[in-house]
Amino acid sequence: MRNETDNDAAENIEPVSGWGTEDFRALTPEMFANVGVPNIVYVREVRASEIEGEAGDELNLPADTRLYAVHAANGIRMAVLDSRDAAFAGARQYDLEPVSVH
């Protein structure tokens, strides 16, 4: 239920500038990664062959082995784990909110 005081307060609110549709289109990936989602990480399935060059000799797995990469909002890979559950649990352990990417 609204009263006159509520109406007066709503009329005195200034619109927030800088967040129109055209403003979102101008966001760079780096800017987007830093706007409102610092605690979100993305979990994506990868094959061992996709990260073989980055892991060097440490990765001694068949090329078709499924792994799960955890990425920061800006796309930087933070971790690679052997199960989706472990990726989600690890993220939550650090107060991060994991979401799946397909």
C-alpha atoms as a PDB file:
ATOM      1  CA  MET A   1       0.000   0.000   0.000  1.00  0.00           C
ATOM      2  CA  ARG A   2       1.416   3.371  -1.003  1.00  0.00           C
ATOM      3  CA  ASN A   3       0.741   6.709   0.606  1.00  0.00           C
ATOM      4  CA  GLU A   4       1.487  10.304  -0.405  1.00  0.00           C
ATOM      5  CA  THR A   5       4.919  10.172   1.230  1.00  0.00           C
ATOM      6  CA  ASP A   6       5.877   7.190  -0.972  1.00  0.00           C
ATOM      7  CA  ASN A   7       4.782   9.063  -4.097  1.00  0.00           C
ATOM      8  CA  ASP A   8       6.745  12.170  -3.134  1.00  0.00           C
ATOM      9  CA  ALA A   9       9.888  10.104  -2.484  1.00  0.00           C
ATOM     10  CA  ALA A  10       9.572   8.312  -5.820  1.00  0.00           C
ATOM     11  CA  GLU A  11       9.199  11.599  -7.685  1.00  0.00           C
ATOM     12  CA  ASN A  12      12.396  12.960  -6.109  1.00  0.00           C
ATOM     13  CA  ILE A  13      14.592  10.034  -7.171  1.00  0.00           C
ATOM     14  CA  GLU A  14      17.095  11.007  -9.843  1.00  0.00           C
ATOM     15  CA  PRO A  15      17.568   8.461 -12.648  1.00  0.00           C
ATOM     16  CA  VAL A  16      20.889   6.695 -12.531  1.00  0.00           C
ATOM     17  CA  SER A  17      23.011   7.741 -15.455  1.00  0.00           C
ATOM     18  CA  GLY A  18      25.506   5.564 -17.256  1.00  0.00           C
ATOM     19  CA  TRP A  19      23.476   2.354 -17.376  1.00  0.00           C
ATOM     20  CA  GLY A  20      21.366   2.685 -20.504  1.00  0.00           C
ATOM     21  CA  THR A  21      21.347   0.062 -23.230  1.00  0.00           C
ATOM     22  CA  GLU A  22      23.902   1.988 -25.253  1.00  0.00           C
ATOM     23  CA  ASP A  23      26.183   2.104 -22.203  1.00  0.00           C
ATOM     24  CA  PHE A  24      26.164  -1.694 -21.874  1.00  0.00           C
ATOM     25  CA  ARG A  25      27.068  -2.053 -25.532  1.00  0.00           C
ATOM     26  CA  ALA A  26      30.176   0.048 -24.912  1.00  0.00           C
ATOM     27  CA  LEU A  27      31.477  -2.167 -22.093  1.00  0.00           C
ATOM     28  CA  THR A  28      34.733  -3.928 -22.841  1.00  0.00           C
ATOM     29  CA  PRO A  29      35.100  -7.540 -21.634  1.00  0.00           C
ATOM     30  CA  GLU A  30      37.419  -6.282 -18.898  1.00  0.00           C
ATOM     31  CA  MET A  31      34.882  -3.675 -17.751  1.00  0.00           C
ATOM     32  CA  PHE A  32      32.064  -6.233 -17.801  1.00  0.00           C
ATOM     33  CA  ALA A  33      34.115  -8.688 -15.734  1.00  0.00           C
ATOM     34  CA  ASN A  34      34.507  -6.052 -13.058  1.00  0.00           C
ATOM     35  CA  VAL A  35      30.885  -4.849 -12.932  1.00  0.00           C
ATOM     36  CA  GLY A  36      28.779  -6.574 -10.324  1.00  0.00           C
ATOM     37  CA  VAL A  37      30.099 -10.096 -10.827  1.00  0.00           C
ATOM     38  CA  PRO A  38      33.383 -10.326  -8.942  1.00  0.00           C
ATOM     39  CA  ASN A  39      32.302 -13.532  -7.222  1.00  0.00           C
ATOM     40  CA  ILE A  40      30.992 -15.445 -10.223  1.00  0.00           C
ATOM     41  CA  VAL A  41      33.148 -18.114 -11.837  1.00  0.00           C
ATOM     42  CA  TYR A  42      32.366 -20.263 -14.844  1.00  0.00           C
ATOM     43  CA  VAL A  43      32.830 -24.022 -14.936  1.00  0.00           C
ATOM     44  CA  ARG A  44      33.322 -25.573 -18.354  1.00  0.00           C
ATOM     45  CA  GLU A  45      34.124 -29.080 -19.501  1.00  0.00           C
ATOM     46  CA  VAL A  46      37.428 -29.377 -21.355  1.00  0.00           C
ATOM     47  CA  ARG A  47      39.368 -32.294 -22.787  1.00  0.00           C
ATOM     48  CA  ALA A  48      42.874 -33.009 -21.570  1.00  0.00           C
ATOM     49  CA  SER A  49      44.105 -32.397 -25.124  1.00  0.00           C
ATOM     50  CA  GLU A  50      42.838 -28.769 -24.950  1.00  0.00           C
ATOM     51  CA  ILE A  51      45.120 -27.884 -22.057  1.00  0.00           C
ATOM     52  CA  GLU A  52      48.017 -30.230 -22.751  1.00  0.00           C
ATOM     53  CA  GLY A  53      50.338 -27.441 -23.922  1.00  0.00           C
ATOM     54  CA  GLU A  54      49.650 -25.330 -20.845  1.00  0.00           C
ATOM     55  CA  ALA A  55      50.096 -28.163 -18.362  1.00  0.00           C
ATOM     56  CA  GLY A  56      53.355 -29.403 -19.893  1.00  0.00           C
ATOM     57  CA  ASP A  57      54.589 -32.758 -18.653  1.00  0.00           C
ATOM     58  CA  GLU A  58      52.449 -32.546 -15.510  1.00  0.00           C
ATOM     59  CA  LEU A  59      49.406 -33.838 -17.395  1.00  0.00           C
ATOM     60  CA  ASN A  60      49.739 -37.537 -17.973  1.00  0.00           C
ATOM     61  CA  LEU A  61      46.190 -38.319 -19.098  1.00  0.00           C
ATOM     62  CA  PRO A  62      44.625 -39.691 -22.269  1.00  0.00           C
ATOM     63  CA  ALA A  63      43.755 -36.821 -24.649  1.00  0.00           C
ATOM     64  CA  ASP A  64      40.001 -37.507 -24.444  1.00  0.00           C
ATOM     65  CA  THR A  65      39.857 -37.330 -20.613  1.00  0.00           C
ATOM     66  CA  ARG A  66      37.107 -34.983 -19.417  1.00  0.00           C
ATOM     67  CA  LEU A  67      38.253 -32.262 -17.049  1.00  0.00           C
ATOM     68  CA  TYR A  68      36.475 -29.209 -15.655  1.00  0.00           C
ATOM     69  CA  ALA A  69      38.026 -25.767 -15.933  1.00  0.00           C
ATOM     70  CA  VAL A  70      37.088 -22.944 -13.575  1.00  0.00           C
ATOM     71  CA  HIS A  71      37.305 -19.494 -15.175  1.00  0.00           C
ATOM     72  CA  ALA A  72      37.033 -16.021 -13.653  1.00  0.00           C
ATOM     73  CA  ALA A  73      34.423 -13.717 -15.151  1.00  0.00           C
ATOM     74  CA  ASN A  74      37.110 -12.155 -17.338  1.00  0.00           C
ATOM     75  CA  GLY A  75      37.934 -15.555 -18.866  1.00  0.00           C
ATOM     76  CA  ILE A  76      41.174 -16.308 -17.037  1.00  0.00           C
ATOM     77  CA  ARG A  77      41.424 -19.987 -16.155  1.00  0.00           C
ATOM     78  CA  MET A  78      41.817 -20.349 -12.401  1.00  0.00           C
ATOM     79  CA  ALA A  79      41.833 -24.117 -11.969  1.00  0.00           C
ATOM     80  CA  VAL A  80      41.292 -27.468 -13.671  1.00  0.00           C
ATOM     81  CA  LEU A  81      39.731 -30.338 -11.756  1.00  0.00           C
ATOM     82  CA  ASP A  82      38.794 -33.900 -12.536  1.00  0.00           C
ATOM     83  CA  SER A  83      35.066 -33.605 -11.799  1.00  0.00           C
ATOM     84  CA  ARG A  84      32.313 -31.041 -12.098  1.00  0.00           C
ATOM     85  CA  ASP A  85      31.359 -31.558  -8.450  1.00  0.00           C
ATOM     86  CA  ALA A  86      34.931 -30.858  -7.352  1.00  0.00           C
ATOM     87  CA  ALA A  87      35.025 -27.694  -9.484  1.00  0.00           C
ATOM     88  CA  PHE A  88      31.804 -26.396  -7.930  1.00  0.00           C
ATOM     89  CA  ALA A  89      32.829 -27.359  -4.390  1.00  0.00           C
ATOM     90  CA  GLY A  90      36.260 -25.773  -4.804  1.00  0.00           C
ATOM     91  CA  ALA A  91      34.747 -22.527  -6.040  1.00  0.00           C
ATOM     92  CA  ARG A  92      32.282 -22.391  -3.171  1.00  0.00           C
ATOM     93  CA  GLN A  93      35.085 -23.064  -0.700  1.00  0.00           C
ATOM     94  CA  TYR A  94      36.538 -19.702  -1.767  1.00  0.00           C
ATOM     95  CA  ASP A  95      33.142 -17.933  -1.526  1.00  0.00           C
ATOM     96  CA  LEU A  96      32.739 -17.890  -5.307  1.00  0.00           C
ATOM     97  CA  GLU A  97      29.485 -18.603  -7.112  1.00  0.00           C
ATOM     98  CA  PRO A  98      30.018 -21.200  -9.851  1.00  0.00           C
ATOM     99  CA  VAL A  99      27.838 -21.375 -12.952  1.00  0.00           C
ATOM    100  CA  SER A 100      27.994 -23.848 -15.825  1.00  0.00           C
ATOM    101  CA  VAL A 101      29.031 -22.873 -19.331  1.00  0.00           C
ATOM    102  CA  HIS A 102      28.226 -25.163 -22.241  1.00  0.00           C
END
